[in-house]
């Protein structure tokens, strides 16, 4: 497996024939995304442990979502993360026990509950995210800021495309 990310450059433009899956640009895309995702999973585990030594790797994204969007219903969180209700309930219980999240009544529906970050959760997640952004800044220090902006734009388009 190619690890350094330099093998799938932007060579000549070719148009896919048929379904296009064996075209060089899609082979390079698959290879680079595989490397990126493998590294992201490893980094997610590290970041989870930085938030709290007992935090499961999979719960880190949940905390980030709460930090970005504020209070959410457990069912909405489960749908966003892509897990079932039982898994979400187990993760939320663990996060509550760690003091990172709390449940409060949903003001829009008294029968429902919203999950929110506690002040401790906000502080810990914020600190880890800031450190991660600092690592990105160091690793991409020799990039033109426009390239960083373009990478963020392209990743956003990719993420939007995978939601459909």
Protein backbone atom coordinates (compact mmCIF):
# COMPACT_ATOMS: atom_id res chain seq x y z
CA UNK A 1 0.00 0.00 0.00
CA UNK A 2 1.31 3.42 -0.98
CA UNK A 3 1.85 5.49 2.16
CA UNK A 4 3.55 8.73 1.23
CA UNK A 5 0.76 10.25 -0.82
CA UNK A 6 3.02 11.21 -3.74
CA UNK A 7 2.11 8.56 -6.29
CA UNK A 8 -1.25 9.74 -7.54
CA UNK A 9 -0.34 13.10 -8.98
CA UNK A 10 -2.35 15.22 -11.36
CA UNK A 11 -1.12 13.87 -14.67
CA UNK A 12 -2.84 14.32 -17.99
CA UNK A 13 -6.59 14.63 -18.08
CA UNK A 14 -8.40 11.48 -19.15
CA UNK A 15 -12.09 10.75 -19.24
CA UNK A 16 -13.40 7.54 -17.75
CA UNK A 17 -14.67 5.01 -20.20
CA UNK A 18 -17.55 2.81 -19.14
CA UNK A 19 -17.89 2.99 -15.38
CA UNK A 20 -14.43 4.56 -14.98
CA UNK A 21 -13.41 2.55 -11.93
CA UNK A 22 -10.15 1.35 -13.47
CA UNK A 23 -9.03 4.77 -14.68
CA UNK A 24 -5.75 5.96 -13.12
CA UNK A 25 -7.34 8.96 -11.40
CA UNK A 26 -9.86 6.76 -9.56
CA UNK A 27 -7.19 4.22 -8.64
CA UNK A 28 -5.08 7.06 -7.23
CA UNK A 29 -8.11 8.51 -5.42
CA UNK A 30 -8.90 5.16 -3.84
CA UNK A 31 -5.29 4.67 -2.72
CA UNK A 32 -4.94 8.15 -1.22
CA UNK A 33 -8.30 8.06 0.53
CA UNK A 34 -7.43 4.66 2.00
CA UNK A 35 -4.22 6.08 3.44
CA UNK A 36 -5.99 9.21 4.68
CA UNK A 37 -8.81 7.26 6.35
CA UNK A 38 -6.42 4.79 7.98
CA UNK A 39 -4.41 7.65 9.43
CA UNK A 40 -7.56 9.51 10.47
CA UNK A 41 -8.80 6.47 12.41
CA UNK A 42 -5.48 6.22 14.22
CA UNK A 43 -5.51 9.96 14.96
CA UNK A 44 -9.09 9.77 16.22
CA UNK A 45 -8.00 7.23 18.81
CA UNK A 46 -5.17 9.49 19.92
CA UNK A 47 -7.47 12.50 20.15
CA UNK A 48 -10.05 10.52 22.11
CA UNK A 49 -7.39 9.54 24.66
CA UNK A 50 -6.29 13.19 24.88
CA UNK A 51 -9.87 14.19 25.77
CA UNK A 52 -10.05 11.43 28.39
CA UNK A 53 -7.95 8.27 28.83
CA UNK A 54 -11.11 6.13 29.06
CA UNK A 55 -12.86 7.64 26.02
CA UNK A 56 -13.64 5.25 23.17
CA UNK A 57 -12.25 6.30 19.83
CA UNK A 58 -15.69 6.21 18.21
CA UNK A 59 -17.08 8.69 20.75
CA UNK A 60 -14.68 11.47 19.77
CA UNK A 61 -16.69 12.40 16.66
CA UNK A 62 -19.82 12.53 18.77
CA UNK A 63 -18.22 15.06 21.10
CA UNK A 64 -17.02 17.15 18.15
CA UNK A 65 -20.55 17.14 16.70
CA UNK A 66 -22.00 18.34 20.01
CA UNK A 67 -19.33 21.02 20.22
CA UNK A 68 -20.13 22.29 16.73
CA UNK A 69 -23.93 21.99 16.78
CA UNK A 70 -24.90 22.29 20.42
CA UNK A 71 -27.60 20.19 22.03
CA UNK A 72 -28.85 17.28 19.96
CA UNK A 73 -31.37 14.50 20.45
CA UNK A 74 -29.84 11.06 20.80
CA UNK A 75 -31.75 9.83 17.75
CA UNK A 76 -30.34 12.66 15.63
CA UNK A 77 -26.82 11.91 16.88
CA UNK A 78 -27.26 8.21 16.08
CA UNK A 79 -28.42 9.05 12.55
CA UNK A 80 -25.54 11.47 11.98
CA UNK A 81 -22.88 9.08 13.28
CA UNK A 82 -24.53 6.10 11.58
CA UNK A 83 -25.16 3.85 14.58
CA UNK A 84 -28.24 2.29 16.13
CA UNK A 85 -30.12 3.55 19.16
CA UNK A 86 -28.63 0.90 21.46
CA UNK A 87 -25.07 1.82 20.49
CA UNK A 88 -25.81 5.52 20.91
CA UNK A 89 -27.37 4.93 24.34
CA UNK A 90 -24.32 2.96 25.45
CA UNK A 91 -21.93 5.67 24.20
CA UNK A 92 -23.92 8.45 25.83
CA UNK A 93 -24.03 6.61 29.16
CA UNK A 94 -20.26 6.22 29.05
CA UNK A 95 -19.80 9.90 28.18
CA UNK A 96 -22.10 10.93 31.03
CA UNK A 97 -20.11 8.76 33.46
CA UNK A 98 -16.93 10.50 32.29
CA UNK A 99 -18.58 13.88 32.94
CA UNK A 100 -18.29 14.99 29.31
CA UNK A 101 -21.99 15.20 28.37
CA UNK A 102 -25.28 15.82 30.13
CA UNK A 103 -28.91 15.37 29.16
CA UNK A 104 -31.45 18.15 29.57
CA UNK A 105 -35.10 18.47 28.61
CA UNK A 106 -35.72 19.59 25.03
CA UNK A 107 -37.47 22.98 25.28
CA UNK A 108 -39.26 22.26 21.98
CA UNK A 109 -40.63 18.90 23.21
CA UNK A 110 -40.88 18.17 26.93
CA UNK A 111 -40.91 14.41 26.24
CA UNK A 112 -37.50 14.48 24.57
CA UNK A 113 -33.99 15.09 25.86
CA UNK A 114 -31.07 17.00 24.40
CA UNK A 115 -27.51 15.85 24.86
CA UNK A 116 -25.03 18.68 25.46
CA UNK A 117 -21.37 18.97 26.32
CA UNK A 118 -20.68 19.78 29.94
CA UNK A 119 -18.31 22.68 30.65
CA UNK A 120 -15.62 20.02 31.28
CA UNK A 121 -16.44 18.38 27.94
CA UNK A 122 -16.31 21.72 26.15
CA UNK A 123 -12.93 22.56 27.64
CA UNK A 124 -11.38 19.17 26.89
CA UNK A 125 -12.73 18.87 23.34
CA UNK A 126 -11.79 22.49 22.57
CA UNK A 127 -8.24 21.95 23.79
CA UNK A 128 -7.77 18.80 21.68
CA UNK A 129 -9.28 20.37 18.56
CA UNK A 130 -7.04 23.43 18.94
CA UNK A 131 -3.99 21.18 19.23
CA UNK A 132 -5.10 19.25 16.13
CA UNK A 133 -5.47 22.47 14.11
CA UNK A 134 -1.99 23.50 15.27
CA UNK A 135 -0.63 20.18 13.95
CA UNK A 136 -2.33 20.79 10.60
CA UNK A 137 -0.84 24.28 10.48
CA UNK A 138 2.66 22.90 11.16
CA UNK A 139 2.34 20.07 8.63
CA UNK A 140 0.99 22.37 5.92
CA UNK A 141 3.18 25.38 6.72
CA UNK A 142 4.88 25.20 3.31
CA UNK A 143 1.55 25.14 1.45
CA UNK A 144 0.11 28.26 -0.09
CA UNK A 145 -2.95 29.31 1.97
CA UNK A 146 -5.02 29.15 -1.23
CA UNK A 147 -4.09 25.46 -1.56
CA UNK A 148 -5.28 24.80 1.99
CA UNK A 149 -8.52 26.62 1.18
CA UNK A 150 -8.94 24.59 -2.01
CA UNK A 151 -8.27 21.32 -0.18
CA UNK A 152 -10.92 22.21 2.40
CA UNK A 153 -13.35 23.08 -0.39
CA UNK A 154 -12.73 19.82 -2.24
CA UNK A 155 -13.06 17.76 0.94
CA UNK A 156 -16.33 19.55 1.68
CA UNK A 157 -17.60 18.65 -1.79
CA UNK A 158 -16.53 15.04 -1.27
CA UNK A 159 -18.30 14.90 2.09
CA UNK A 160 -21.44 16.44 0.61
CA UNK A 161 -21.35 13.93 -2.23
CA UNK A 162 -21.15 10.99 0.17
CA UNK A 163 -24.23 12.21 2.10
CA UNK A 164 -26.47 11.63 -0.90
